Protein backbone atom coordinates (compact mmCIF):
# COMPACT_ATOMS: atom_id res chain seq x y z
CA MET A 1 14.44 95.59 -22.93
CA LEU A 2 15.86 97.13 -19.84
CA ALA A 3 19.58 96.79 -19.49
CA THR A 4 19.49 96.39 -15.78
CA THR A 5 17.21 94.10 -13.80
CA ALA A 6 15.43 95.39 -10.88
CA LYS A 7 16.19 93.72 -7.44
CA ARG A 8 13.41 91.57 -6.34
CA ARG A 9 11.90 92.71 -3.18
CA ALA A 10 11.73 90.16 -0.37
CA PRO A 11 8.27 89.53 0.80
CA ALA A 12 7.22 90.95 3.98
CA PRO A 13 7.14 88.29 6.71
CA THR A 14 3.80 86.91 7.56
CA GLN A 15 2.26 84.61 10.04
CA CYS A 16 2.72 81.68 7.71
CA THR A 17 6.49 82.37 7.18
CA THR A 18 7.61 82.99 10.62
CA LYS A 19 9.67 80.33 12.19
CA ASN A 20 7.62 80.13 15.46
CA ILE A 21 4.41 78.72 14.11
CA SER A 22 1.88 77.54 16.71
CA ALA A 23 -1.67 76.30 15.98
CA PRO A 24 -4.58 78.09 17.56
CA LYS A 25 -5.54 76.62 20.83
CA PHE A 26 -9.17 75.62 21.33
CA LYS A 27 -10.71 75.02 24.64
CA ARG A 28 -11.81 71.41 24.88
CA LYS A 29 -15.29 71.05 26.21
CA ARG A 30 -16.19 68.31 28.54
CA LEU A 31 -18.34 65.65 27.02
CA GLN A 32 -21.75 65.53 28.45
CA GLY A 33 -24.62 62.96 28.13
CA SER A 34 -27.26 63.72 25.68
CA PRO A 35 -30.70 64.21 27.50
CA GLN A 36 -32.32 62.11 24.76
CA TYR A 37 -30.76 58.97 26.04
CA ASN A 38 -30.80 59.41 29.78
CA TYR A 39 -31.34 55.81 30.90
CA PRO A 40 -31.34 54.30 34.35
CA VAL A 41 -28.56 51.93 34.89
CA CYS A 42 -30.18 49.47 37.07
CA GLY A 43 -33.06 47.33 35.81
CA VAL A 44 -35.69 48.25 38.29
CA GLY A 45 -36.75 51.52 36.78
CA ASN A 46 -35.35 53.85 39.46
CA ALA A 47 -35.49 57.71 38.83
CA PHE A 48 -32.97 60.20 40.14
CA THR A 49 -33.91 63.52 41.84
CA ALA A 50 -33.00 66.77 40.15
CA ALA A 51 -30.22 67.26 42.79
CA GLN A 52 -28.75 63.84 41.99
CA LYS A 53 -28.73 64.55 38.29
CA SER A 54 -27.08 67.90 38.63
CA ALA A 55 -24.50 66.46 41.02
CA GLY A 56 -23.63 63.60 38.82
CA ALA A 57 -23.83 65.21 35.44
CA ALA A 58 -20.13 66.26 35.73
CA ALA A 59 -19.12 62.48 36.38
CA TRP A 60 -20.58 61.33 33.04
CA THR A 61 -17.23 60.75 31.40
CA LEU A 62 -16.13 58.32 28.91
CA ASN A 63 -12.86 56.35 29.14
CA SER A 64 -10.88 56.82 25.99
CA PHE A 65 -10.16 53.05 25.68
CA THR A 66 -13.45 51.50 26.96
CA SER A 67 -17.09 52.28 26.68
CA THR A 68 -17.70 52.02 30.41
CA PRO A 69 -19.18 55.24 31.90
CA VAL A 70 -18.55 56.56 35.35
CA THR A 71 -21.46 56.24 37.72
CA PRO A 72 -23.36 59.58 37.86
CA TRP A 73 -24.42 59.20 41.44
CA PRO A 74 -22.44 59.57 44.65
CA ALA A 75 -20.63 56.57 46.21
CA SER A 76 -23.27 56.25 48.94
CA GLN A 77 -26.05 56.01 46.33
CA ALA A 78 -24.07 53.50 44.22
CA ALA A 79 -24.16 51.05 47.08
CA SER A 80 -27.74 51.32 47.66
CA PRO A 81 -29.78 48.11 47.42
CA ARG A 82 -32.23 49.91 45.14
CA CYS A 83 -29.68 50.03 42.43
CA ILE A 84 -27.87 46.78 42.88
CA GLN A 85 -28.53 44.42 40.06
CA MET A 86 -29.72 40.94 40.81
CA GLU A 87 -27.48 37.77 40.22
CA SER A 88 -29.59 37.13 37.12
CA LYS A 89 -28.82 40.54 35.61
CA CYS A 90 -30.76 41.34 32.44
CA PRO A 91 -28.47 41.76 29.53
CA ALA A 92 -30.75 44.43 28.13
CA ASP A 93 -29.83 46.59 31.14
CA GLU A 94 -26.15 46.11 30.42
CA LEU A 95 -26.70 47.08 26.81
CA VAL A 96 -28.64 50.20 27.80
CA ALA A 97 -25.86 51.25 30.11
CA SER A 98 -23.24 50.75 27.47
CA THR A 99 -25.14 52.44 24.68
CA SER A 100 -25.66 55.38 27.00
CA ALA A 101 -21.98 55.95 27.08
CA LEU A 102 -21.52 55.56 23.37
CA ASN A 103 -24.14 58.31 22.71
CA LEU A 104 -21.77 60.82 24.41
CA ARG A 105 -19.82 60.94 21.15
CA GLY A 106 -22.37 63.38 19.83
CA SER A 107 -24.10 61.18 17.21
CA ALA A 108 -26.84 58.64 17.31
CA ILE A 109 -26.08 54.97 17.73
CA ASN A 110 -25.17 53.40 14.41
CA SER A 111 -25.02 49.90 13.28
CA ARG A 112 -21.42 49.41 14.62
CA SER A 113 -22.27 50.58 18.13
CA SER A 114 -25.49 48.68 18.47
CA ARG A 115 -24.86 45.05 19.21
CA GLU A 116 -26.57 42.60 16.96
CA VAL A 117 -29.34 40.50 18.37
CA GLU A 118 -29.31 36.68 17.77
CA ILE A 119 -31.95 34.05 18.28
CA LYS A 120 -31.53 30.28 18.79
CA GLY A 121 -31.65 28.62 15.34
CA SER A 122 -32.64 25.07 16.21
CA ALA A 123 -33.52 22.80 19.07
CA TYR A 124 -30.94 20.25 17.87
CA SER A 125 -27.87 22.52 17.92
CA ASP A 126 -26.35 25.27 19.95
CA GLY A 127 -26.06 27.74 17.21
CA TYR A 128 -27.70 31.06 17.02
CA LYS A 129 -28.52 33.14 13.90
CA THR A 130 -28.50 37.00 13.62
CA LEU A 131 -31.67 38.96 13.14
CA SER A 132 -31.85 41.30 10.22
CA SER A 133 -30.36 44.83 10.46
CA LYS A 134 -33.79 46.32 10.25
CA THR A 135 -35.12 44.27 13.05
CA CYS A 136 -32.07 44.94 15.23
CA ALA A 137 -32.58 48.74 14.62
CA LYS A 138 -36.19 48.45 15.87
CA ILE A 139 -35.18 46.39 18.94
CA HIS A 140 -32.49 48.88 19.98
CA ASP A 141 -34.92 51.82 19.37
CA TYR A 142 -37.21 50.28 21.95
CA LEU A 143 -34.37 49.37 24.38
CA ARG A 144 -33.19 52.92 24.34
CA ARG A 145 -36.61 54.14 25.58
CA GLY A 146 -36.46 51.59 28.45
CA VAL A 147 -39.08 49.29 26.85
CA LYS A 148 -37.90 45.61 27.39
CA THR A 149 -41.13 43.87 26.15
CA PHE A 150 -42.64 44.64 22.81
CA TRP A 151 -43.97 42.96 19.66
CA LEU A 152 -42.76 43.32 16.20
CA GLN A 153 -43.91 41.85 12.89
CA ASN A 154 -41.40 39.91 10.88
CA ASP A 155 -40.75 41.37 7.32
CA THR A 156 -40.18 37.98 5.69
CA ASP A 157 -42.98 35.66 6.98
CA ALA A 158 -45.32 38.31 8.26
CA CYS A 159 -45.41 36.58 11.61
CA SER A 160 -45.81 38.63 14.85
CA TYR A 161 -43.38 38.05 17.70
CA LEU A 162 -43.23 39.16 21.26
CA PHE A 163 -39.63 40.03 22.36
CA ASP A 164 -39.13 39.55 26.16
CA PHE A 165 -35.78 40.94 27.29
CA GLU A 166 -36.53 40.24 30.93
CA SER A 167 -36.38 36.51 30.28
CA MET A 168 -34.33 36.82 26.97
CA GLN A 169 -36.84 35.01 24.81
CA ARG A 170 -38.88 35.59 21.67
CA HIS A 171 -42.46 34.37 21.66
CA ASN A 172 -44.34 33.54 18.50
CA ILE A 173 -47.64 35.19 19.47
CA SER A 174 -49.92 32.92 17.47
CA THR A 175 -48.27 29.54 18.17
CA GLY A 176 -46.42 30.37 21.40
CA TYR A 177 -43.15 28.89 20.04
CA ARG A 178 -40.17 30.19 22.13
CA ARG A 179 -36.63 30.95 21.13
CA SER A 180 -33.80 32.23 23.32
CA ILE A 181 -32.40 35.64 22.23
CA ARG A 182 -29.11 37.14 23.07
CA PHE A 183 -26.69 39.95 22.06
CA ARG A 184 -23.66 39.00 20.11
CA ASP A 185 -20.37 38.54 22.06
CA GLN A 186 -22.17 38.77 25.39
CA GLU A 187 -22.41 36.02 27.93
CA PRO A 188 -25.45 36.63 30.15
CA SER A 189 -25.97 35.08 33.55
CA CYS A 190 -28.87 32.93 32.67
CA ILE A 191 -30.59 29.79 33.61
CA ASP A 192 -30.21 26.81 31.32
CA LEU A 193 -33.64 25.18 31.06
CA THR A 194 -32.16 22.07 29.28
CA ASP A 195 -30.30 21.25 32.52
CA ASP A 196 -32.37 19.36 34.96
CA SER A 197 -30.46 20.70 38.00
CA ASN A 198 -31.98 24.19 37.11
CA ALA A 199 -35.77 23.07 37.39
CA LEU A 200 -37.81 25.82 38.89
CA ASP A 201 -39.89 25.08 41.99
CA SER A 202 -40.96 28.79 42.05
CA PRO A 203 -42.77 31.11 39.65
CA SER A 204 -40.81 32.75 36.90
CA TYR A 205 -40.24 35.84 38.80
CA LEU A 206 -40.31 36.90 42.49
CA SER A 207 -40.99 40.16 43.91
CA ALA A 208 -39.31 41.76 47.00
CA VAL A 209 -39.82 45.11 48.56
CA ASN A 210 -36.94 47.18 49.82
CA LYS A 211 -37.91 48.54 53.15
CA ASN A 212 -35.66 51.47 53.07
CA THR A 213 -36.60 52.72 49.58
CA ASN A 214 -39.93 51.18 49.26
CA CYS A 215 -39.00 50.02 45.77
CA THR A 216 -40.09 46.64 44.33
CA VAL A 217 -37.22 44.70 42.96
CA ILE A 218 -37.92 42.10 40.41
CA ILE A 219 -35.65 39.08 40.41
CA LYS A 220 -35.86 37.78 36.84
CA LYS A 221 -35.36 34.28 35.50
CA GLN A 222 -33.69 34.17 32.11
CA ALA A 223 -33.79 31.33 29.70
CA VAL A 224 -31.11 30.07 27.52
CA ASN A 225 -31.00 27.24 25.09
CA VAL A 226 -34.86 27.40 24.65
CA CYS A 227 -36.15 26.42 21.19
CA GLY A 228 -39.42 24.77 21.31
CA PRO A 229 -43.24 24.94 22.23
CA ALA A 230 -44.45 27.42 24.84
CA PHE A 231 -44.99 24.90 27.54
CA GLU A 232 -42.16 22.51 26.91
CA GLY A 233 -39.80 22.34 29.91
CA ASN A 234 -40.31 24.99 32.50
CA TRP A 235 -42.50 28.06 32.01
CA VAL A 236 -40.34 31.09 32.23
CA CYS A 237 -41.70 34.50 31.23
CA GLY A 238 -41.08 38.09 32.17
CA ALA A 239 -43.67 39.91 34.24
CA MET A 240 -44.60 42.35 31.45
CA ALA A 241 -44.45 39.70 28.78
CA GLU A 242 -46.96 37.54 30.72
CA LYS A 243 -49.34 40.48 31.12
CA LYS A 244 -49.19 41.28 27.35
CA LEU A 245 -49.60 37.62 26.39
CA ALA A 246 -52.66 37.32 28.65
CA LYS A 247 -54.14 40.59 27.24
CA ILE A 248 -53.67 39.11 23.61
CA ARG A 249 -55.27 35.85 24.54
CA GLN A 250 -58.18 37.75 26.21
CA LEU A 251 -58.87 39.92 23.24
CA ASN A 252 -58.67 36.95 20.92
CA LEU A 253 -61.16 35.00 23.00
CA GLN A 254 -63.77 37.69 22.26
CA ARG A 255 -63.98 36.34 18.77
CA SER A 256 -65.04 32.74 20.03
CA PRO A 257 -68.72 32.14 19.58
CA LEU A 258 -68.73 29.56 22.41
CA ILE A 259 -66.92 31.81 24.87
CA ARG A 260 -69.25 34.73 24.15
CA GLU A 261 -72.18 32.41 24.65
CA ILE A 262 -70.93 31.22 27.96
CA SER A 263 -69.97 34.64 29.19
CA GLN A 264 -73.50 35.97 28.69
CA LEU A 265 -74.97 33.32 30.90
CA PRO A 266 -75.24 33.70 34.75
CA GLU A 267 -72.50 31.76 36.70
CA CYS A 268 -74.85 29.14 37.95
CA GLN A 269 -75.64 28.20 34.26
CA GLN A 270 -72.07 28.23 32.95
CA VAL A 271 -70.64 24.76 32.16
CA PHE A 272 -67.02 26.19 32.38
CA ASP A 273 -65.28 29.40 33.39
CA PRO A 274 -64.99 31.73 30.43
CA VAL A 275 -61.98 33.44 32.23
CA PRO A 276 -58.91 31.29 31.39
CA ILE A 277 -56.32 30.12 33.89
CA SER A 278 -52.97 31.80 33.96
CA PRO A 279 -49.94 29.59 33.20
CA CYS A 280 -48.34 30.72 36.41
CA ASP A 281 -51.48 29.47 38.28
CA GLU A 282 -50.91 26.35 40.28
CA ARG A 283 -54.14 24.98 38.74
CA PHE A 284 -52.80 25.14 35.30
CA PRO A 285 -52.10 21.57 34.01
CA ILE A 286 -48.89 22.25 32.35
CA GLU A 287 -47.57 18.66 32.60
CA GLN A 288 -50.64 17.62 30.36
CA ILE A 289 -50.82 20.84 28.12
CA LYS A 290 -47.22 20.51 27.03
CA HIS A 291 -48.14 17.33 25.02
CA LEU A 292 -50.12 19.52 22.61
CA ASN A 293 -46.91 21.23 21.42
CA PHE A 294 -48.78 24.36 20.99
CA GLY A 295 -48.96 27.65 23.00
CA GLY A 296 -51.69 29.65 21.25
CA LEU A 297 -54.36 28.33 23.71
CA THR A 298 -56.34 29.04 26.89
CA VAL A 299 -57.30 26.68 29.57
CA HIS A 300 -60.73 26.91 31.27
CA LYS A 301 -61.88 25.20 34.56
CA VAL A 302 -65.02 23.04 34.22
CA ARG A 303 -67.81 24.27 36.47
CA PRO A 304 -69.45 21.68 38.67
CA THR A 305 -73.08 21.44 37.16
CA ARG A 306 -75.65 19.21 38.65
CA MET A 307 -74.98 16.41 36.15
CA TRP A 308 -71.18 16.74 36.51
CA LYS A 309 -71.54 16.45 40.32
CA ARG A 310 -73.58 13.32 39.96
CA ASN A 311 -71.16 11.69 37.64
CA ARG A 312 -68.23 12.73 39.73
CA SER A 313 -69.60 11.16 42.81
CA HIS A 314 -69.85 7.75 40.96
CA PHE A 315 -66.30 8.38 39.67
CA ASP A 316 -64.98 8.79 43.28
CA LEU A 317 -66.85 5.77 44.57
CA LEU A 318 -65.41 3.55 41.72
CA LEU A 319 -62.05 4.93 42.48
CA GLU A 320 -62.16 3.86 45.97
CA GLU A 321 -63.35 0.42 45.04
CA GLU A 322 -60.48 -0.03 42.51
CA LYS A 323 -57.93 1.07 45.24
CA GLU A 324 -59.05 -1.72 47.37
CA PHE A 325 -59.28 -4.24 44.47
CA PHE A 326 -55.76 -3.40 42.91
CA SER A 327 -53.99 -3.08 46.26
CA ALA A 328 -53.50 -6.83 46.18
CA TYR A 329 -51.59 -6.64 43.04
CA LYS A 330 -49.43 -3.64 43.98
CA GLN A 331 -45.66 -4.17 43.62
CA PRO A 332 -43.46 -2.99 46.48
CA ASN A 333 -41.33 -0.45 44.59
CA LYS A 334 -43.95 0.69 42.19
CA ASN A 335 -46.73 3.34 42.56
CA LEU A 336 -50.19 2.20 41.74
CA LYS A 337 -51.64 4.67 39.11
CA LEU A 338 -55.36 4.36 38.76
CA VAL A 339 -56.35 7.83 37.59
CA HIS A 340 -55.00 8.84 34.19
CA TRP A 341 -55.45 11.95 32.05
CA ALA A 342 -56.96 11.76 28.54
CA TRP A 343 -58.08 14.11 25.72
CA HIS A 344 -61.42 14.23 23.93
CA GLY A 345 -61.78 16.56 20.92
CA ALA A 346 -65.26 17.62 19.66
CA PRO A 347 -67.08 20.47 18.03
CA ALA A 348 -68.22 23.39 20.16
CA LYS A 349 -71.82 22.28 20.43
CA SER A 350 -70.79 18.78 21.50
CA ILE A 351 -68.42 20.31 24.19
CA SER A 352 -71.25 22.30 25.74
CA GLY A 353 -73.70 19.22 25.61
CA ILE A 354 -71.18 16.78 27.28
CA LEU A 355 -70.47 19.19 30.12
CA GLU A 356 -74.24 19.83 30.66
CA CYS A 357 -75.74 16.35 30.08
CA GLY A 358 -72.84 13.85 29.82
CA PHE A 359 -71.57 11.68 26.85
CA LEU A 360 -74.19 10.46 24.40
CA SER A 361 -76.67 12.86 25.66
CA VAL A 362 -75.97 15.57 23.13
CA PRO A 363 -77.99 15.97 19.91
CA SER A 364 -75.13 15.04 17.69
CA ALA A 365 -73.46 12.30 19.83
CA ARG A 366 -70.40 10.63 18.21
CA VAL A 367 -69.43 7.08 18.93
CA GLY A 368 -66.26 5.42 17.62
CA ARG A 369 -66.44 2.03 15.96
CA VAL A 370 -62.88 1.26 14.72
CA TYR A 371 -61.77 -0.36 17.98
CA GLY A 372 -65.08 -1.07 19.44
CA HIS A 373 -68.43 0.68 20.24
CA GLY A 374 -67.73 3.45 22.67
CA ILE A 375 -66.24 6.89 23.48
CA TYR A 376 -62.64 7.40 22.27
CA LEU A 377 -60.15 9.51 24.20
CA SER A 378 -56.42 9.86 23.24
CA THR A 379 -53.86 9.12 25.98
CA GLU A 380 -52.08 11.95 27.79
CA GLN A 381 -49.02 11.75 25.61
CA HIS A 382 -50.87 11.55 22.34
CA ALA A 383 -52.75 14.83 22.75
CA GLN A 384 -52.15 15.90 19.23
CA TYR A 385 -54.41 13.01 17.88
CA SER A 386 -57.50 14.60 19.57
CA LYS A 387 -56.36 18.04 18.28
CA ARG A 388 -56.90 17.00 14.61
CA ASP A 389 -59.64 18.79 12.76
CA ARG A 390 -61.32 15.50 12.23
CA PHE A 391 -62.22 15.36 15.89
CA SER A 392 -62.05 18.89 17.33
CA ALA A 393 -63.69 20.60 14.33
CA PRO A 394 -63.02 24.38 14.02
CA ASP A 395 -65.93 26.72 14.48
CA SER A 396 -66.86 29.58 12.23
CA GLU A 397 -63.97 31.76 13.59
CA GLY A 398 -61.31 28.95 13.67
CA PHE A 399 -61.41 28.11 17.35
CA LYS A 400 -61.01 24.45 18.35
CA TYR A 401 -61.96 22.81 21.72
CA LEU A 402 -60.71 19.84 23.63
CA LEU A 403 -61.65 18.27 26.95
CA LEU A 404 -58.94 17.32 29.38
CA CYS A 405 -60.38 14.52 31.47
CA GLU A 406 -59.51 12.38 34.36
CA VAL A 407 -60.24 8.66 33.49
CA LEU A 408 -60.40 5.28 35.24
CA PRO A 409 -59.41 2.71 32.68
CA GLY A 410 -59.09 -0.06 35.23
CA SER A 411 -57.90 -3.32 33.62
CA ALA A 412 -57.57 -2.57 29.87
CA GLU A 413 -57.46 -4.85 26.90
CA VAL A 414 -56.86 -4.45 23.15
CA SER A 415 -60.42 -3.75 21.89
CA GLU A 416 -61.65 -5.15 18.57
CA LYS A 417 -64.06 -3.73 16.00
CA GLY A 418 -67.74 -4.34 16.91
CA GLN A 419 -66.92 -5.07 20.57
CA THR A 420 -69.48 -3.36 22.88
CA HIS A 421 -68.42 -4.92 26.26
CA PRO A 422 -65.17 -6.04 27.94
CA SER A 423 -64.39 -9.74 27.11
CA SER A 424 -64.47 -10.73 30.72
CA LYS A 425 -65.40 -9.60 34.22
CA VAL A 426 -61.88 -8.69 35.15
CA MET A 427 -61.63 -6.25 32.26
CA HIS A 428 -63.05 -2.72 32.24
CA SER A 429 -62.03 -0.75 29.16
CA GLY A 430 -60.17 -1.06 25.83
CA VAL A 431 -57.04 0.37 24.14
CA ASP A 432 -56.05 0.38 20.45
CA ARG A 433 -52.71 -1.37 21.05
CA MET A 434 -50.43 -2.91 23.60
CA PRO A 435 -47.91 -1.82 24.73
CA SER A 436 -47.79 2.12 24.56
CA PRO A 437 -51.49 2.59 23.69
CA SER A 438 -52.57 5.88 22.11
CA MET A 439 -56.39 5.63 22.58
CA HIS A 440 -58.73 4.76 25.38
CA ILE A 441 -62.00 3.03 24.48
CA PHE A 442 -64.73 3.32 27.16
CA TYR A 443 -67.88 1.35 26.35
CA THR A 444 -71.29 3.09 26.44
CA TYR A 445 -72.68 1.28 29.56
CA ASP A 446 -70.37 3.02 32.09
CA MET A 447 -68.58 5.81 30.08
CA ASN A 448 -69.95 8.62 32.23
CA VAL A 449 -68.73 7.01 35.38
CA ARG A 450 -65.10 6.32 34.13
CA ILE A 451 -64.69 9.80 32.44
CA SER A 452 -64.58 12.97 34.31
CA PRO A 453 -63.94 16.16 32.36
CA LYS A 454 -61.79 18.75 34.24
CA TYR A 455 -60.69 21.46 31.78
CA VAL A 456 -61.72 22.90 28.44
CA VAL A 457 -58.74 23.65 26.30
CA CYS A 458 -59.53 26.29 23.67
CA ILE A 459 -57.10 26.24 20.63
CA HIS A 460 -56.88 29.77 19.19
CA PRO A 461 -56.59 30.74 15.53
CA GLU A 462 -53.80 33.12 14.30
CA VAL A 463 -53.83 36.56 16.13
CA THR A 464 -54.82 39.40 13.80
CA LYS A 465 -53.03 42.65 13.34
CA ASP A 466 -56.27 44.48 14.65
CA ILE A 467 -55.76 42.74 18.03
CA LEU A 468 -51.98 43.46 18.16
CA ASN A 469 -52.70 47.20 17.49
CA ASN A 470 -54.41 47.20 20.92
CA ILE A 471 -51.24 46.13 22.68
CA CYS A 472 -49.17 49.13 23.43
CA ASN A 473 -45.39 48.94 23.00
CA GLU A 474 -44.62 51.47 25.62
CA LYS A 475 -42.94 51.13 29.00
CA ASN A 476 -45.04 49.69 31.77
CA ILE A 477 -48.17 49.91 29.58
CA PHE A 478 -49.97 46.79 28.27
């Protein structure tokens, strides 16, 4: 053992033991937007030139406290009418603008940065329910690509839905049932269809052309508090959603044996138009169709065949006689309603025979006997009665057909079983009950004079996945 201890050497000073310690300085790079999510901010699909993009790239900065990006175009461009959002601004456009800024953080949008999508839960309450995270992820994936109208299949019930972020609605493709959709914690400027003061006198969307930029600006109508059948209330639908729904109905119609048969005939031999009427067309009888409480249908105009023209001429003559007769009984403050709407459900073969030859002229003529011997038609408000399979029997492909007719009931009475004629000369037709009848009974001796078919309503079966695969979920493609 050494008697003396060696002196410990002091360690040489290093960078870590010096008193003036300073962290290495890194040059902070300016955040730039990812080219993968370069969305237009306004909802009219405007595209910037290369000079505008390069000039505004440096202005893409993110406020450290908010997610509001600085506009990437000059101030003169920002005030252009081409990029001004309408008063009914689409919430999907706002979401795309905000998610564009969030993407600047260098990572893809996660579940926290993507706002959850909600749908109206019930027609009897104001509550909304949140869609599944998987469905929300699919929705945001389409919105990032600028697609605001697309269809998705539900994982739980296997139903297919068309999401319309122009009017903020979700359509059940097979039944037409509509529900309002919204983003959580967002108050869009929408039109409340449950408020009568917001009734629409114009179509669901109006187009205006900017003379300076030659750009078509779509003024959208958005629906809130909608939860019900397709044609209940006012018909509001985005432009692209309307095109896609029409395409789906057109493809589904090709499965109908009756429509295929009518389409192969020359126009002079067709008993009705195989091309359906658009719901936005003024000819579409939406006030009558809404009583079916069903949206998976098409409406076809009856063509004036020779038999139809003859029966219609007698119908018009009888109407003029009844106007003169009932004018003596008209009350001062009450309109005299002589022409009513009624529904008649029948199999496909009977539909063609009725339009070609009239009632009771078809091979399989059907006459009711419960409330008298005659032709039965449900009243306008009781359309679902004629929609039953007992009357409008489905064909081999599942399609059902109804006739929407104008009728002249005249003076009606409660008809009884076995009755074949009115009980007196001042009576003209029968009903099943009084008041609030649900069924018209027209006796066989003048039924073709008092009943005039106007439309053929085709009830569609469920839309198959093969048809939906032909509907492209891409921007501006249907």
